[in-house]
Amino acid sequence: MLFDHMTQFLFHFLDIKVLSSKAKRHYQQSLESHCLLFTTKGTAHLTLGDHQYRLPKNGVYLCSAESARLLKVDLEKLTTVYLVTFNALSQSAKRWETKNDRGEAINLEQTDEIIRLCNSLLSLAESPIEEDILLSQAHFYLLLHTIIQHRKTPNRDLQHMLEKTKQHMEYHFREAIQVKDLAQMMNISAKYYMELFRKQFGISAIQYLMNVRIEASKWLLIKGGKTLREIASEVGYKDEFYFSRRFKQQMGMSPSLFMKSRRKNIAVLDSSFFGLLAPLHYIPIAAPLHPTWRYYYYKTFGNHVPVQLAVGRTPAVLNENIAVLLQENPQYDYIFCLDNVTDEQLTVLQKGGHVYRLAWSSLSWREQLLEIAKILDAEMEARKWLIEYEQTVQDAVASLAYISHERSMLFLLVRGNECYLYQDRSIQEVLLEDLGLNVLIAKTQDLITVRELAEMNPDFIMVLVYEDEESMMKWNELQSDELWLELKSTRNDTVYTLTHFPWRDYAPLPHLLIVKEVMQLLTADSSL
């Protein structure tokens, strides 16, 4: 392969040009030297002789002078390609070529430094200073070195494909899935696939599929309304007896006993408790729900919460919800509230059952989960969930390993006519501590201008926008600002708009969703 043998050659940079669809859609030139094509935007199509190749964004194609005598490049709309020509000299008689004499295509995991070096080469190539020829040669060597450093390795591709098969099981667990089908997705043998999966995730693919199916069956059992045979069929088992054996093997109890253990009358005064109860497989019978605010909870649990309270943490909303609770059902097994409930409100609540006031402000989310689990006698379930969370974090860290810790991330909150450098406990504990990402934070939610953003110039910008009209207008205005358009993250399409759930909900379930979303967002551009 061309990239694997570069150290055996000396190179002489000749020229660099930018091919842009804004100027021309079709380029053609004689190929008398080696060339490198690097697509920074859009998609290009390369023709070498009778062969055609697709050049996606962040893709590099390297071809030797022997590949063809004529080079044709067709650009789609809004496409930019750097075309670099050079010679390769060998101290031996060895030719610099590929096995099939066509060229080599690779995908890159990071492109910022490569774009910078290409722009430097452009400036040096046009320089009237004769000595700058030496600098251009040095920059070309740096360019080749950087491309090699940031190309995707076969191991990275295998890891990416393993993650895809894992996602396939999560989305298609209701169907008949066999290991040979998963292995075929990666074009490898079933035996090799099983070895790779266990090495990557610490569990066999068969066991992971069973875990996914059992997890789905728990919610069907809790929500009720279906027979055991129907539940077994919905989670991918043809036989309810086989399903029951698997369930008991996994949970240490039968499906019917599990269902009975979750029949508790629980009321909560804050919707954040959904994020604490869901890992323990409990659904409250009374809780604040709203079709817009925390829509995830409304969609997932709404039909199974008979007493739906108002969403809000003001004293007026709390008093209203307490009155509704006592009116609807005078006795609950447990009533959970946050530490914003006053002693007076607590006394009133105690008329409806056992009340637990969670120290939400002082306890970490892990401590909160274990506290609630202890009250509900579900500590084993909590610890199991935490182990699975840590495994998800480890998988995410491995997937994001190619992202240098020097690459920065910034959270921007757009509220009203102002922008803030945003941070909260979730960002601190999940992104900084668990995932180890380089997040630019402040001690408080500081106001920030576009000029200050340009000075910080982060690699990634994560944006949270309030949904009122003034905030949306501010966000639209920001996106048309010239300084904003020149930001590194804007040019690289690494500005991501986030939803307030799960990002502004401090609880175990939303934190798990945050880890998965970060992994999906930051690896999206690197996928093949």
Protein backbone atom coordinates (compact mmCIF):
# COMPACT_ATOMS: atom_id res chain seq x y z
CA MET A 1 0.00 0.00 0.00
CA LEU A 2 1.23 3.50 -0.83
CA PHE A 3 0.84 4.93 2.68
CA ASP A 4 2.58 1.94 4.25
CA HIS A 5 5.79 2.45 2.24
CA MET A 6 6.26 6.21 2.44
CA THR A 7 9.30 6.00 4.70
CA GLN A 8 11.20 4.24 1.91
CA PHE A 9 10.97 7.25 -0.43
CA LEU A 10 11.98 10.89 -0.70
CA PHE A 11 9.35 13.34 -1.91
CA HIS A 12 9.44 16.56 -3.87
CA PHE A 13 6.40 18.83 -3.66
CA LEU A 14 5.37 20.32 -7.01
CA ASP A 15 2.09 22.19 -6.72
CA ILE A 16 -1.25 22.49 -4.93
CA LYS A 17 -4.56 23.85 -6.15
CA VAL A 18 -8.11 24.05 -4.81
CA LEU A 19 -10.87 22.49 -6.90
CA SER A 20 -14.20 24.07 -6.03
CA SER A 21 -17.68 23.44 -7.44
CA LYS A 22 -18.29 27.20 -7.10
CA ALA A 23 -15.78 27.77 -9.93
CA LYS A 24 -16.04 24.59 -12.04
CA ARG A 25 -17.86 21.29 -11.75
CA HIS A 26 -15.42 19.30 -13.93
CA TYR A 27 -11.61 19.22 -13.91
CA GLN A 28 -9.29 17.34 -16.24
CA GLN A 29 -5.51 17.26 -16.55
CA SER A 30 -2.67 15.05 -17.71
CA LEU A 31 -1.16 13.01 -14.90
CA GLU A 32 2.61 13.14 -15.23
CA SER A 33 3.36 12.99 -11.50
CA HIS A 34 1.93 11.48 -8.35
CA CYS A 35 -1.06 13.25 -6.83
CA LEU A 36 -3.02 13.46 -3.62
CA LEU A 37 -6.67 14.53 -3.49
CA PHE A 38 -8.25 15.57 -0.19
CA THR A 39 -12.00 16.33 0.00
CA THR A 40 -12.92 18.84 2.72
CA LYS A 41 -16.52 19.49 1.73
CA GLY A 42 -19.11 17.57 -0.27
CA THR A 43 -18.37 14.61 -2.53
CA ALA A 44 -16.15 14.29 -5.60
CA HIS A 45 -15.85 11.59 -8.22
CA LEU A 46 -12.45 10.63 -9.61
CA THR A 47 -11.85 8.93 -12.95
CA LEU A 48 -8.52 7.22 -13.64
CA GLY A 49 -8.52 5.50 -17.00
CA ASP A 50 -11.52 3.15 -17.01
CA HIS A 51 -11.94 3.22 -13.22
CA GLN A 52 -14.10 5.55 -11.14
CA TYR A 53 -13.81 6.31 -7.42
CA ARG A 54 -15.98 8.22 -4.99
CA LEU A 55 -14.20 10.74 -2.75
CA PRO A 56 -16.37 11.52 0.33
CA LYS A 57 -15.81 14.34 2.77
CA ASN A 58 -12.65 13.81 4.88
CA GLY A 59 -11.46 11.27 2.32
CA VAL A 60 -7.99 11.15 0.77
CA TYR A 61 -7.08 9.49 -2.51
CA LEU A 62 -3.42 8.94 -3.34
CA CYS A 63 -2.41 7.74 -6.78
CA SER A 64 0.93 7.12 -8.44
CA ALA A 65 1.96 8.51 -11.81
CA GLU A 66 1.56 5.02 -13.26
CA SER A 67 -2.15 4.83 -12.37
CA ALA A 68 -3.33 6.61 -15.53
CA ARG A 69 -2.29 9.30 -17.96
CA LEU A 70 -5.47 11.34 -17.54
CA LEU A 71 -7.05 12.56 -14.31
CA LYS A 72 -10.72 13.63 -14.24
CA VAL A 73 -12.45 15.04 -11.17
CA ASP A 74 -16.22 15.69 -11.08
CA LEU A 75 -17.54 17.77 -8.18
CA GLU A 76 -21.01 17.64 -6.72
CA LYS A 77 -22.72 20.80 -5.48
CA LEU A 78 -20.81 22.62 -2.67
CA THR A 79 -17.68 20.47 -2.95
CA THR A 80 -14.07 21.47 -2.24
CA VAL A 81 -11.02 19.33 -3.02
CA TYR A 82 -7.30 20.00 -2.58
CA LEU A 83 -5.20 18.56 -5.42
CA VAL A 84 -1.50 18.16 -4.56
CA THR A 85 1.08 16.97 -7.12
CA PHE A 86 4.54 15.68 -6.24
CA ASN A 87 7.35 13.33 -7.24
CA ALA A 88 8.62 10.32 -5.28
CA LEU A 89 12.29 9.34 -5.38
CA SER A 90 13.66 6.01 -4.19
CA GLN A 91 17.25 5.12 -3.23
CA SER A 92 16.59 1.72 -4.75
CA ALA A 93 14.99 0.76 -8.02
CA LYS A 94 11.65 0.15 -6.34
CA ARG A 95 8.67 1.91 -7.89
CA TRP A 96 6.15 3.74 -5.72
CA GLU A 97 2.92 2.05 -6.72
CA THR A 98 0.00 -0.02 -5.47
CA LYS A 99 -0.55 -3.68 -6.00
CA ASN A 100 -3.29 -3.06 -8.56
CA ASP A 101 -1.56 0.09 -9.89
CA ARG A 102 -4.68 2.17 -9.22
CA GLY A 103 -4.18 4.13 -6.02
CA GLU A 104 -5.26 4.08 -2.44
CA ALA A 105 -8.25 5.64 -0.68
CA ILE A 106 -8.41 6.26 3.06
CA ASN A 107 -10.73 8.08 5.46
CA LEU A 108 -9.49 10.48 8.11
CA GLU A 109 -10.51 10.74 11.74
CA GLN A 110 -9.37 14.35 12.16
CA THR A 111 -8.87 17.02 9.48
CA ASP A 112 -8.25 20.40 11.14
CA GLU A 113 -4.44 20.20 11.01
CA ILE A 114 -4.51 18.77 7.47
CA ILE A 115 -6.63 21.68 6.22
CA ARG A 116 -4.25 24.13 7.92
CA LEU A 117 -1.22 22.55 6.24
CA CYS A 118 -2.92 22.57 2.83
CA ASN A 119 -3.65 26.28 3.21
CA SER A 120 -0.03 26.88 4.24
CA LEU A 121 1.14 25.05 1.12
CA LEU A 122 -1.14 27.23 -1.00
CA SER A 123 0.42 30.39 0.45
CA LEU A 124 3.98 29.09 0.10
CA ALA A 125 3.39 27.95 -3.49
CA GLU A 126 2.45 31.54 -4.41
CA SER A 127 5.27 33.16 -2.42
CA PRO A 128 7.77 35.28 -4.41
CA ILE A 129 10.48 34.53 -1.84
CA GLU A 130 12.80 31.90 -3.26
CA GLU A 131 13.73 30.44 0.13
CA ASP A 132 10.06 29.57 0.77
CA ILE A 133 10.51 26.61 -1.59
CA LEU A 134 12.32 24.91 1.30
CA LEU A 135 9.43 25.66 3.63
CA SER A 136 6.95 24.24 1.13
CA GLN A 137 8.89 20.96 1.04
CA ALA A 138 8.89 20.83 4.85
CA HIS A 139 5.16 21.54 5.00
CA PHE A 140 4.50 18.80 2.45
CA TYR A 141 6.33 16.26 4.61
CA LEU A 142 4.29 17.46 7.59
CA LEU A 143 1.12 17.01 5.53
CA LEU A 144 2.00 13.41 4.65
CA HIS A 145 2.93 12.66 8.26
CA THR A 146 -0.35 14.14 9.57
CA ILE A 147 -2.44 12.16 7.08
CA ILE A 148 -0.75 8.93 8.17
CA GLN A 149 -1.27 9.81 11.85
CA HIS A 150 -4.99 10.47 11.41
CA ARG A 151 -6.02 7.81 8.93
CA LYS A 152 -8.46 5.18 10.08
CA THR A 153 -6.78 1.94 10.95
CA PRO A 154 -8.28 -1.50 10.29
CA ASN A 155 -8.76 -1.88 14.05
CA ARG A 156 -10.82 1.32 14.14
CA ASP A 157 -12.95 0.07 11.25
CA LEU A 158 -13.50 -3.26 13.02
CA GLN A 159 -14.51 -1.44 16.20
CA HIS A 160 -16.92 0.74 14.25
CA MET A 161 -18.51 -2.29 12.57
CA LEU A 162 -18.76 -4.15 15.88
CA GLU A 163 -20.66 -1.18 17.29
CA LYS A 164 -22.97 -1.32 14.27
CA THR A 165 -23.77 -5.00 14.89
CA LYS A 166 -24.43 -4.17 18.55
CA GLN A 167 -26.86 -1.45 17.50
CA HIS A 168 -28.46 -3.90 15.08
CA MET A 169 -29.25 -6.21 18.00
CA GLU A 170 -30.69 -3.30 20.01
CA TYR A 171 -33.04 -2.28 17.19
CA HIS A 172 -33.94 -5.72 15.81
CA PHE A 173 -33.98 -7.94 18.92
CA ARG A 174 -37.61 -8.89 18.18
CA GLU A 175 -36.46 -10.67 15.04
CA ALA A 176 -34.61 -13.97 14.66
CA ILE A 177 -30.93 -13.01 14.90
CA GLN A 178 -28.10 -15.48 14.47
CA VAL A 179 -24.39 -14.97 14.99
CA LYS A 180 -23.69 -15.86 11.38
CA ASP A 181 -25.92 -12.96 10.27
CA LEU A 182 -24.00 -10.51 12.46
CA ALA A 183 -20.68 -11.86 11.24
CA GLN A 184 -21.83 -11.51 7.65
CA MET A 185 -22.44 -7.79 8.27
CA MET A 186 -18.68 -7.52 8.87
CA ASN A 187 -17.73 -10.01 6.16
CA ILE A 188 -15.88 -12.24 8.65
CA SER A 189 -16.42 -15.74 10.03
CA ALA A 190 -18.84 -16.36 12.90
CA LYS A 191 -16.01 -17.66 15.09
CA TYR A 192 -13.85 -14.58 14.50
CA TYR A 193 -16.86 -12.32 15.10
CA MET A 194 -17.56 -13.94 18.47
CA GLU A 195 -13.91 -13.50 19.50
CA LEU A 196 -13.89 -9.83 18.46
CA PHE A 197 -17.21 -9.06 20.17
CA ARG A 198 -16.16 -10.59 23.49
CA LYS A 199 -12.79 -8.85 23.36
CA GLN A 200 -14.38 -5.49 22.61
CA PHE A 201 -17.37 -5.57 24.97
CA GLY A 202 -16.40 -8.15 27.60
CA ILE A 203 -19.49 -10.26 26.92
CA SER A 204 -20.53 -12.72 24.22
CA ALA A 205 -22.83 -11.52 21.44
CA ILE A 206 -25.39 -14.19 22.42
CA GLN A 207 -25.41 -13.02 26.04
CA TYR A 208 -25.71 -9.39 24.96
CA LEU A 209 -28.71 -10.18 22.76
CA MET A 210 -30.34 -12.02 25.66
CA ASN A 211 -29.72 -9.01 27.93
CA VAL A 212 -31.43 -6.70 25.43
CA ARG A 213 -34.43 -9.03 25.15
CA ILE A 214 -34.80 -9.51 28.91
CA GLU A 215 -34.56 -5.74 29.48
CA ALA A 216 -37.37 -5.14 26.97
CA SER A 217 -39.49 -7.88 28.55
CA LYS A 218 -39.23 -6.22 31.99
CA TRP A 219 -41.03 -3.12 30.78
CA LEU A 220 -43.71 -5.19 29.04
CA LEU A 221 -44.27 -7.11 32.30
CA ILE A 222 -44.46 -3.91 34.35
CA LYS A 223 -46.80 -2.10 31.99
CA GLY A 224 -49.13 -5.12 31.89
CA GLY A 225 -51.97 -5.95 29.52
CA LYS A 226 -50.17 -8.80 27.72
CA THR A 227 -49.92 -12.53 28.28
CA LEU A 228 -46.58 -14.23 28.88
CA ARG A 229 -46.79 -15.78 25.41
CA GLU A 230 -47.33 -12.36 23.81
CA ILE A 231 -44.43 -10.85 25.74
CA ALA A 232 -42.13 -13.73 24.78
CA SER A 233 -43.04 -13.28 21.12
CA GLU A 234 -42.50 -9.50 21.25
CA VAL A 235 -38.95 -9.86 22.55
CA GLY A 236 -37.84 -12.51 20.07
CA TYR A 237 -38.70 -15.82 21.80
CA LYS A 238 -41.07 -18.31 20.14
CA ASP A 239 -41.71 -20.28 23.34
CA GLU A 240 -42.93 -18.63 26.58
CA PHE A 241 -41.49 -21.52 28.62
CA TYR A 242 -38.01 -21.02 27.16
CA PHE A 243 -38.42 -17.26 27.75
CA SER A 244 -39.35 -17.89 31.41
CA ARG A 245 -36.26 -20.06 31.92
CA ARG A 246 -34.03 -17.38 30.39
CA PHE A 247 -35.67 -14.66 32.48
CA LYS A 248 -35.18 -16.59 35.73
CA GLN A 249 -31.60 -17.39 34.77
CA GLN A 250 -30.95 -13.67 34.26
CA MET A 251 -33.00 -12.17 37.09
CA GLY A 252 -33.04 -14.91 39.72
CA MET A 253 -36.86 -14.89 39.78
CA SER A 254 -39.73 -15.82 37.48
CA PRO A 255 -41.44 -13.20 35.25
CA SER A 256 -44.59 -13.32 37.41
CA LEU A 257 -42.62 -12.77 40.63
CA PHE A 258 -40.73 -9.88 39.05
CA MET A 259 -44.01 -8.30 37.95
CA LYS A 260 -45.41 -8.69 41.48
CA SER A 261 -42.30 -7.09 43.02
CA ARG A 262 -42.87 -3.92 40.96
CA ARG A 263 -46.48 -3.37 42.01
CA LYS A 264 -46.03 -0.47 44.40
CA ASN A 265 -48.08 2.71 44.58
CA ILE A 266 -45.41 5.35 44.09
CA ALA A 267 -46.01 9.08 43.71
CA VAL A 268 -43.31 11.58 42.73
CA LEU A 269 -43.44 15.37 42.83
CA ASP A 270 -40.72 15.97 40.25
CA SER A 271 -40.32 14.42 36.80
CA SER A 272 -36.60 13.88 37.45
CA PHE A 273 -37.63 10.84 39.51
CA PHE A 274 -38.46 9.05 36.25
CA GLY A 275 -34.71 9.07 35.60
CA LEU A 276 -34.13 7.46 39.01
CA LEU A 277 -36.98 4.94 38.95
CA ALA A 278 -36.55 3.74 35.36
CA PRO A 279 -33.18 2.00 36.02
CA LEU A 280 -34.96 0.14 38.86
CA HIS A 281 -37.92 -0.74 36.61
CA TYR A 282 -40.60 1.18 38.51
CA ILE A 283 -43.31 3.38 37.04
CA PRO A 284 -45.00 5.84 39.44
CA ILE A 285 -48.78 6.01 39.45
CA ALA A 286 -48.65 9.77 40.06
CA ALA A 287 -46.05 12.10 38.51
CA PRO A 288 -45.60 15.44 36.73
CA LEU A 289 -45.88 14.94 32.96
CA HIS A 290 -46.11 17.28 30.00
CA PRO A 291 -46.23 16.48 26.24
CA THR A 292 -43.47 19.05 25.51
CA TRP A 293 -41.27 19.37 28.59
CA ARG A 294 -39.42 16.05 29.00
CA TYR A 295 -41.35 14.55 26.11
CA TYR A 296 -39.27 11.36 26.45
CA TYR A 297 -40.97 10.54 29.77
CA TYR A 298 -44.39 11.49 28.45
CA LYS A 299 -43.98 9.24 25.40
CA THR A 300 -42.49 6.31 27.34
CA PHE A 301 -44.60 6.31 30.51
CA GLY A 302 -47.55 8.65 29.90
CA ASN A 303 -50.15 5.94 29.25
CA HIS A 304 -49.18 4.15 32.48
CA VAL A 305 -49.36 7.10 34.90
CA PRO A 306 -53.03 7.57 35.88
CA VAL A 307 -52.46 10.69 38.03
CA GLN A 308 -50.59 13.25 35.90
CA LEU A 309 -49.41 16.30 37.83
CA ALA A 310 -48.23 19.71 36.66
CA VAL A 311 -44.56 20.21 35.73
CA GLY A 312 -42.73 22.86 37.76
CA ARG A 313 -40.78 23.53 40.96
CA THR A 314 -42.32 26.76 42.20
CA PRO A 315 -44.11 26.72 45.61
CA ALA A 316 -47.46 27.30 43.86
CA VAL A 317 -47.03 24.29 41.55
CA LEU A 318 -45.87 22.10 44.45
CA ASN A 319 -48.90 23.08 46.57
CA GLU A 320 -51.21 22.34 43.65
CA ASN A 321 -49.64 18.91 43.06
CA ILE A 322 -49.76 18.01 46.77
CA ALA A 323 -53.47 18.85 46.84
CA VAL A 324 -54.09 16.66 43.76
CA LEU A 325 -52.16 13.75 45.30
CA LEU A 326 -54.16 13.78 48.53
CA GLN A 327 -57.41 14.15 46.65
CA GLU A 328 -56.79 11.35 44.13
CA ASN A 329 -55.39 8.71 46.48
CA PRO A 330 -55.08 9.30 50.22
CA GLN A 331 -52.52 6.49 50.72
CA TYR A 332 -49.36 5.75 48.71
CA ASP A 333 -46.64 3.24 49.48
CA TYR A 334 -44.03 5.93 48.84
CA ILE A 335 -44.06 9.63 47.98
CA PHE A 336 -40.76 10.96 46.65
CA CYS A 337 -39.92 14.67 46.54
CA LEU A 338 -36.82 16.85 46.15
CA ASP A 339 -35.24 19.05 48.79
CA ASN A 340 -37.13 22.09 47.45
CA VAL A 341 -40.17 20.88 49.43
CA THR A 342 -40.55 22.82 52.67
CA ASP A 343 -41.10 21.29 56.12
CA GLU A 344 -44.67 22.56 56.06
CA GLN A 345 -45.36 20.92 52.69
CA LEU A 346 -43.68 17.75 53.94
CA THR A 347 -46.06 17.58 56.91
CA VAL A 348 -49.05 17.85 54.58
CA LEU A 349 -47.62 15.17 52.26
CA GLN A 350 -47.23 12.69 55.13
CA LYS A 351 -50.99 12.39 55.26
CA GLY A 352 -50.76 10.47 51.96
CA GLY A 353 -48.14 7.88 52.92
CA HIS A 354 -44.44 7.38 53.59
CA VAL A 355 -42.55 10.45 52.31
CA TYR A 356 -38.88 10.56 51.34
CA ARG A 357 -37.25 13.92 50.65
CA LEU A 358 -34.21 13.35 48.41
CA ALA A 359 -31.12 15.47 49.04
CA TRP A 360 -30.97 16.33 45.36
CA SER A 361 -28.67 19.35 45.77
CA SER A 362 -25.96 17.57 47.77
CA LEU A 363 -26.00 13.93 46.63
CA SER A 364 -24.41 12.78 43.37
CA TRP A 365 -26.69 11.03 40.89
CA ARG A 366 -25.11 7.67 41.76
CA GLU A 367 -25.79 8.26 45.47
CA GLN A 368 -29.35 9.29 44.66
CA LEU A 369 -29.95 6.07 42.72
CA LEU A 370 -28.63 3.90 45.57
CA GLU A 371 -30.72 5.85 48.13
CA ILE A 372 -33.97 5.28 46.19
CA ALA A 373 -33.00 1.65 45.51
CA LYS A 374 -32.45 1.04 49.22
CA ILE A 375 -35.92 2.32 50.06
CA LEU A 376 -37.52 0.16 47.35
CA ASP A 377 -35.39 -2.91 48.19
CA ALA A 378 -33.90 -2.82 44.69
CA GLU A 379 -30.21 -2.35 45.49
CA MET A 380 -29.13 -5.32 43.37
CA GLU A 381 -30.95 -3.82 40.38
CA ALA A 382 -29.27 -0.43 41.01
CA ARG A 383 -25.77 -1.89 41.21
CA LYS A 384 -26.37 -3.95 38.08
CA TRP A 385 -27.50 -0.82 36.24
CA LEU A 386 -24.43 1.11 37.40
CA ILE A 387 -22.16 -1.68 36.12
CA GLU A 388 -23.88 -1.51 32.74
CA TYR A 389 -23.53 2.30 32.75
CA GLU A 390 -19.79 2.03 33.41
CA GLN A 391 -19.46 -0.49 30.57
CA THR A 392 -21.25 1.93 28.23
CA VAL A 393 -18.84 4.67 29.33
CA GLN A 394 -15.85 2.41 28.64
CA ASP A 395 -17.22 1.60 25.18
CA ALA A 396 -17.70 5.32 24.50
CA VAL A 397 -14.19 6.18 25.70
CA ALA A 398 -12.77 3.51 23.38
CA SER A 399 -14.84 4.81 20.44
CA LEU A 400 -13.76 8.40 21.12
CA ALA A 401 -10.10 7.51 21.68
CA TYR A 402 -9.10 9.03 18.33
CA ILE A 403 -10.30 12.46 19.57
CA SER A 404 -7.28 14.16 21.07
CA HIS A 405 -7.76 15.54 24.57
CA GLU A 406 -6.48 18.80 23.13
CA ARG A 407 -9.58 19.08 20.93
CA SER A 408 -11.96 21.30 22.83
CA MET A 409 -15.72 21.28 23.32
CA LEU A 410 -17.88 24.21 24.40
CA PHE A 411 -21.50 24.32 25.57
CA LEU A 412 -23.48 27.36 24.52
CA LEU A 413 -26.84 28.31 26.03
CA VAL A 414 -29.02 30.72 24.01
CA ARG A 415 -31.64 32.29 26.25
CA GLY A 416 -33.54 35.42 25.35
CA ASN A 417 -31.25 37.89 23.63
CA GLU A 418 -28.09 36.56 25.29
CA CYS A 419 -25.61 33.72 24.89
CA TYR A 420 -23.97 31.99 27.84
CA LEU A 421 -21.00 29.70 28.30
CA TYR A 422 -23.02 26.89 29.83
CA GLN A 423 -22.14 24.26 32.39
CA ASP A 424 -23.91 22.15 34.99
CA ARG A 425 -23.40 19.04 37.12
CA SER A 426 -24.22 16.69 34.25
CA ILE A 427 -21.55 18.19 31.98
CA GLN A 428 -19.00 18.17 34.80
CA GLU A 429 -19.62 14.60 35.94
CA VAL A 430 -20.47 12.84 32.67
CA LEU A 431 -18.38 14.58 30.01
CA LEU A 432 -15.36 15.70 32.02
CA GLU A 433 -15.09 13.00 34.67
CA ASP A 434 -16.59 9.92 33.01
CA LEU A 435 -15.69 10.48 29.34
CA GLY A 436 -12.59 12.58 29.96
CA LEU A 437 -13.42 15.11 27.22
CA ASN A 438 -11.86 18.56 27.04
CA VAL A 439 -14.84 20.81 27.85
CA LEU A 440 -14.27 24.54 28.14
CA ILE A 441 -16.14 25.57 31.28
CA ALA A 442 -16.58 28.59 33.51
CA LYS A 443 -17.21 28.92 37.23
CA THR A 444 -20.60 30.42 36.50
CA GLN A 445 -22.86 30.72 33.48
CA ASP A 446 -20.94 33.62 31.93
CA LEU A 447 -22.27 35.79 29.13
CA ILE A 448 -20.23 35.26 25.97
CA THR A 449 -19.98 37.19 22.71
CA VAL A 450 -19.28 35.87 19.21
CA ARG A 451 -15.88 37.57 19.31
CA GLU A 452 -15.02 35.75 22.54
CA LEU A 453 -16.19 32.50 20.93
CA ALA A 454 -13.87 33.22 18.00
CA GLU A 455 -10.96 33.72 20.39
CA MET A 456 -11.68 30.39 22.09
CA ASN A 457 -12.42 28.75 18.69
CA PRO A 458 -13.44 25.29 20.02
CA ASP A 459 -13.39 22.15 17.91
CA PHE A 460 -16.98 21.30 18.90
CA ILE A 461 -19.86 23.55 19.95
CA MET A 462 -22.90 22.01 21.65
CA VAL A 463 -25.85 24.43 21.61
CA LEU A 464 -28.90 24.50 23.86
CA VAL A 465 -31.58 26.96 22.71
CA TYR A 466 -34.66 27.98 24.70
CA GLU A 467 -37.76 27.43 22.60
CA ASP A 468 -39.30 30.89 23.03
CA GLU A 469 -39.46 33.29 20.07
CA GLU A 470 -36.77 35.70 21.33
CA SER A 471 -34.25 32.91 21.91
CA MET A 472 -34.89 31.37 18.49
CA MET A 473 -34.42 34.77 16.83
CA LYS A 474 -31.12 35.21 18.66
CA TRP A 475 -29.96 31.77 17.51
CA ASN A 476 -30.86 32.53 13.88
CA GLU A 477 -29.05 35.85 14.13
CA LEU A 478 -25.96 34.18 15.58
CA GLN A 479 -25.75 31.66 12.73
CA SER A 480 -25.56 34.43 10.14
CA ASP A 481 -22.82 36.35 11.94
CA GLU A 482 -19.57 36.51 9.91
CA LEU A 483 -17.42 35.66 12.92
CA TRP A 484 -19.63 32.65 13.66
CA LEU A 485 -19.29 31.44 10.07
CA GLU A 486 -15.50 31.58 10.38
CA LEU A 487 -15.38 29.44 13.54
CA LYS A 488 -13.50 26.18 13.20
CA SER A 489 -16.51 24.18 14.39
CA THR A 490 -18.83 25.94 11.91
CA ARG A 491 -16.50 25.26 8.98
CA ASN A 492 -16.08 21.62 10.03
CA ASP A 493 -19.80 21.03 10.62
CA THR A 494 -19.19 20.21 14.29
CA VAL A 495 -21.85 22.50 15.76
CA TYR A 496 -24.59 20.36 17.32
CA THR A 497 -27.94 21.60 18.62
CA LEU A 498 -29.10 19.63 21.66
CA THR A 499 -32.50 19.06 23.27
CA HIS A 500 -33.09 20.12 26.87
CA PHE A 501 -33.81 16.48 27.71
CA PRO A 502 -31.59 14.64 28.44
CA TRP A 503 -29.01 17.42 28.66
CA ARG A 504 -30.57 19.46 31.47
CA ASP A 505 -31.88 16.62 33.62
CA TYR A 506 -29.62 15.46 36.45
CA ALA A 507 -30.47 11.78 36.88
CA PRO A 508 -29.08 8.31 35.94
CA LEU A 509 -31.22 7.57 32.86
CA PRO A 510 -30.60 10.92 31.10
CA HIS A 511 -26.89 10.56 31.83
CA LEU A 512 -26.84 7.20 30.08
CA LEU A 513 -28.63 8.82 27.12
CA ILE A 514 -26.05 11.64 27.12
CA VAL A 515 -23.16 9.17 26.88
CA LYS A 516 -24.83 7.43 23.93
CA GLU A 517 -25.65 10.71 22.19
CA VAL A 518 -22.11 12.07 22.57
CA MET A 519 -20.68 8.86 21.13
CA GLN A 520 -23.11 9.01 18.21
CA LEU A 521 -22.49 12.71 17.46
CA LEU A 522 -18.71 12.70 17.70
CA THR A 523 -18.20 9.49 15.73
CA ALA A 524 -20.73 10.33 13.00
CA ASP A 525 -18.24 12.19 10.78
CA SER A 526 -15.69 9.41 11.16
CA SER A 527 -18.01 6.61 10.05
CA LEU A 528 -17.37 4.95 6.71
